[in-house]
Amino acid sequence: MSFGISVGESIAAEHQELLFELNGLQRALDEIAHLQADPQQETEVNAVKVPALTTHHRLDDLAGKLRRYESVQIMAA
């Protein structure tokens, strides 16, 4: 019984959705990293920037892993 979509196609679609979400998160974190603060708000803004920058580095690592998967997937096609 066929449902019209293969397991490989389903995984590829999930992969693309994950990349889309990852790119959106990276753009949001870039915005946070470039926030400009008034001097009286600098402490609060920096308190948000530090975890955002840490998260951004982890997302970059994940993006690299996903890109490696993508190149393997293309070679297998």
N, C-alpha and C. Protein backbone atom coordinates (compact mmCIF):
# COMPACT_ATOMS: atom_id res chain seq x y z
N MET A 1 0.85 -1.18 0.00
CA MET A 1 0.00 0.00 0.00
C MET A 1 0.89 1.23 0.00
N SER A 2 0.66 2.13 -0.93
CA SER A 2 1.50 3.32 -1.07
C SER A 2 0.70 4.56 -0.69
N PHE A 3 1.38 5.45 0.00
CA PHE A 3 0.73 6.71 0.40
C PHE A 3 1.19 7.87 -0.47
N GLY A 4 1.99 7.59 -1.48
CA GLY A 4 2.41 8.63 -2.41
C GLY A 4 3.66 9.39 -1.98
N ILE A 5 4.23 9.06 -0.83
CA ILE A 5 5.44 9.73 -0.37
C ILE A 5 6.35 8.69 0.26
N SER A 6 7.61 8.76 -0.10
CA SER A 6 8.55 7.78 0.44
C SER A 6 9.12 8.27 1.76
N VAL A 7 9.76 7.37 2.47
CA VAL A 7 10.41 7.72 3.73
C VAL A 7 11.49 8.76 3.47
N GLY A 8 12.25 8.58 2.38
CA GLY A 8 13.31 9.53 2.04
C GLY A 8 12.75 10.92 1.78
N GLU A 9 11.63 10.99 1.08
CA GLU A 9 11.00 12.29 0.81
C GLU A 9 10.50 12.94 2.10
N SER A 10 9.98 12.13 2.99
CA SER A 10 9.50 12.64 4.27
C SER A 10 10.67 13.20 5.09
N ILE A 11 11.78 12.48 5.11
CA ILE A 11 12.96 12.94 5.85
C ILE A 11 13.50 14.22 5.21
N ALA A 12 13.52 14.28 3.90
CA ALA A 12 14.00 15.48 3.20
C ALA A 12 13.12 16.69 3.53
N ALA A 13 11.81 16.47 3.60
CA ALA A 13 10.90 17.56 3.93
C ALA A 13 11.12 18.04 5.36
N GLU A 14 11.29 17.10 6.27
CA GLU A 14 11.58 17.46 7.67
C GLU A 14 12.90 18.22 7.77
N HIS A 15 13.88 17.79 6.99
CA HIS A 15 15.18 18.44 6.97
C HIS A 15 15.04 19.89 6.51
N GLN A 16 14.29 20.10 5.45
CA GLN A 16 14.08 21.45 4.93
C GLN A 16 13.34 22.32 5.95
N GLU A 17 12.36 21.75 6.62
CA GLU A 17 11.62 22.49 7.64
C GLU A 17 12.53 22.87 8.80
N LEU A 18 13.37 21.95 9.20
CA LEU A 18 14.32 22.22 10.27
C LEU A 18 15.29 23.33 9.88
N LEU A 19 15.80 23.30 8.65
CA LEU A 19 16.69 24.36 8.18
C LEU A 19 15.98 25.71 8.17
N PHE A 20 14.73 25.74 7.76
CA PHE A 20 13.95 26.97 7.74
C PHE A 20 13.82 27.55 9.15
N GLU A 21 13.47 26.71 10.11
CA GLU A 21 13.33 27.14 11.50
C GLU A 21 14.67 27.60 12.07
N LEU A 22 15.72 26.88 11.76
CA LEU A 22 17.05 27.22 12.23
C LEU A 22 17.48 28.58 11.70
N ASN A 23 17.24 28.83 10.43
CA ASN A 23 17.58 30.13 9.85
C ASN A 23 16.80 31.26 10.52
N GLY A 24 15.54 31.02 10.82
CA GLY A 24 14.74 32.02 11.52
C GLY A 24 15.29 32.33 12.90
N LEU A 25 15.68 31.29 13.62
CA LEU A 25 16.28 31.49 14.95
C LEU A 25 17.59 32.25 14.85
N GLN A 26 18.40 31.91 13.86
CA GLN A 26 19.68 32.60 13.70
C GLN A 26 19.47 34.09 13.39
N ARG A 27 18.48 34.40 12.56
CA ARG A 27 18.19 35.82 12.26
C ARG A 27 17.74 36.56 13.51
N ALA A 28 16.89 35.91 14.31
CA ALA A 28 16.43 36.55 15.55
C ALA A 28 17.59 36.79 16.50
N LEU A 29 18.47 35.82 16.62
CA LEU A 29 19.62 35.98 17.52
C LEU A 29 20.59 37.04 16.99
N ASP A 30 20.71 37.15 15.68
CA ASP A 30 21.53 38.23 15.10
C ASP A 30 20.97 39.60 15.48
N GLU A 31 19.66 39.71 15.43
CA GLU A 31 19.02 40.98 15.82
C GLU A 31 19.31 41.31 17.28
N ILE A 32 19.21 40.31 18.13
CA ILE A 32 19.48 40.52 19.56
C ILE A 32 20.95 40.92 19.75
N ALA A 33 21.85 40.26 19.04
CA ALA A 33 23.27 40.55 19.19
C ALA A 33 23.61 41.98 18.79
N HIS A 34 22.83 42.56 17.90
CA HIS A 34 23.11 43.91 17.42
C HIS A 34 22.22 44.98 18.05
N LEU A 35 21.53 44.62 19.13
CA LEU A 35 20.71 45.61 19.82
C LEU A 35 21.57 46.75 20.34
N GLN A 36 21.06 47.94 20.18
CA GLN A 36 21.72 49.12 20.73
C GLN A 36 20.92 49.55 21.96
N ALA A 37 21.63 49.89 23.02
CA ALA A 37 20.96 50.24 24.28
C ALA A 37 21.32 51.64 24.70
N ASP A 38 20.37 52.29 25.33
CA ASP A 38 20.68 53.53 26.02
C ASP A 38 21.59 53.19 27.19
N PRO A 39 22.45 54.11 27.59
CA PRO A 39 23.37 53.81 28.69
C PRO A 39 22.68 53.28 29.95
N GLN A 40 21.50 53.78 30.27
CA GLN A 40 20.82 53.32 31.47
C GLN A 40 20.22 51.91 31.32
N GLN A 41 20.14 51.40 30.09
CA GLN A 41 19.61 50.05 29.85
C GLN A 41 20.68 49.06 29.43
N GLU A 42 21.92 49.48 29.40
CA GLU A 42 22.98 48.62 28.89
C GLU A 42 23.13 47.31 29.66
N THR A 43 22.99 47.35 30.96
CA THR A 43 23.12 46.14 31.77
C THR A 43 22.04 45.12 31.41
N GLU A 44 20.82 45.59 31.25
CA GLU A 44 19.71 44.68 30.91
C GLU A 44 19.87 44.11 29.51
N VAL A 45 20.27 44.95 28.57
CA VAL A 45 20.44 44.48 27.20
C VAL A 45 21.58 43.47 27.13
N ASN A 46 22.67 43.73 27.82
CA ASN A 46 23.77 42.78 27.83
C ASN A 46 23.38 41.46 28.49
N ALA A 47 22.48 41.52 29.45
CA ALA A 47 22.00 40.30 30.10
C ALA A 47 21.21 39.42 29.12
N VAL A 48 20.64 40.03 28.10
CA VAL A 48 19.93 39.28 27.06
C VAL A 48 20.91 38.83 25.98
N LYS A 49 21.88 39.67 25.67
CA LYS A 49 22.82 39.36 24.59
C LYS A 49 23.69 38.14 24.90
N VAL A 50 24.16 38.00 26.12
CA VAL A 50 25.09 36.92 26.44
C VAL A 50 24.48 35.54 26.17
N PRO A 51 23.29 35.22 26.71
CA PRO A 51 22.74 33.90 26.38
C PRO A 51 22.37 33.76 24.90
N ALA A 52 21.99 34.87 24.27
CA ALA A 52 21.66 34.81 22.85
C ALA A 52 22.90 34.46 22.02
N LEU A 53 24.04 35.05 22.35
CA LEU A 53 25.27 34.76 21.62
C LEU A 53 25.72 33.32 21.86
N THR A 54 25.56 32.83 23.07
CA THR A 54 25.90 31.44 23.37
C THR A 54 25.02 30.50 22.56
N THR A 55 23.74 30.79 22.51
CA THR A 55 22.81 29.98 21.74
C THR A 55 23.14 30.05 20.26
N HIS A 56 23.53 31.22 19.79
CA HIS A 56 23.86 31.40 18.37
C HIS A 56 25.00 30.48 17.98
N HIS A 57 26.02 30.35 18.81
CA HIS A 57 27.14 29.47 18.50
C HIS A 57 26.68 28.00 18.43
N ARG A 58 25.79 27.61 19.31
CA ARG A 58 25.28 26.24 19.28
C ARG A 58 24.47 25.98 18.02
N LEU A 59 23.69 26.99 17.61
CA LEU A 59 22.91 26.85 16.38
C LEU A 59 23.83 26.78 15.16
N ASP A 60 24.93 27.52 15.18
CA ASP A 60 25.90 27.44 14.08
C ASP A 60 26.46 26.02 13.98
N ASP A 61 26.77 25.41 15.12
CA ASP A 61 27.25 24.03 15.12
C ASP A 61 26.21 23.09 14.53
N LEU A 62 24.96 23.26 14.94
CA LEU A 62 23.88 22.42 14.42
C LEU A 62 23.71 22.63 12.92
N ALA A 63 23.80 23.87 12.47
CA ALA A 63 23.67 24.15 11.04
C ALA A 63 24.77 23.45 10.25
N GLY A 64 25.97 23.43 10.80
CA GLY A 64 27.07 22.73 10.14
C GLY A 64 26.80 21.25 10.01
N LYS A 65 26.25 20.65 11.05
CA LYS A 65 25.91 19.23 11.00
C LYS A 65 24.82 18.96 9.98
N LEU A 66 23.84 19.85 9.90
CA LEU A 66 22.77 19.68 8.93
C LEU A 66 23.29 19.82 7.51
N ARG A 67 24.23 20.73 7.30
CA ARG A 67 24.81 20.90 5.96
C ARG A 67 25.57 19.65 5.53
N ARG A 68 26.28 19.03 6.47
CA ARG A 68 26.98 17.79 6.14
C ARG A 68 25.99 16.71 5.73
N TYR A 69 24.86 16.63 6.44
CA TYR A 69 23.83 15.66 6.10
C TYR A 69 23.28 15.95 4.71
N GLU A 70 23.10 17.24 4.41
CA GLU A 70 22.55 17.63 3.12
C GLU A 70 23.49 17.21 1.99
N SER A 71 24.80 17.38 2.17
CA SER A 71 25.74 16.98 1.12
C SER A 71 25.75 15.47 0.94
N VAL A 72 25.61 14.71 2.01
CA VAL A 72 25.54 13.25 1.92
C VAL A 72 24.27 12.84 1.19
N GLN A 73 23.17 13.53 1.49
CA GLN A 73 21.89 13.22 0.87
C GLN A 73 21.94 13.50 -0.63
N ILE A 74 22.60 14.57 -1.04
CA ILE A 74 22.70 14.91 -2.45
C ILE A 74 23.55 13.86 -3.19
N MET A 75 24.64 13.41 -2.57
CA MET A 75 25.49 12.41 -3.20
C MET A 75 24.76 11.09 -3.36
N ALA A 76 23.85 10.77 -2.43
CA ALA A 76 23.12 9.51 -2.49
C ALA A 76 22.03 9.52 -3.56
N ALA A 77 21.61 10.70 -3.98
CA ALA A 77 20.51 10.81 -4.95
C ALA A 77 20.93 10.42 -6.35
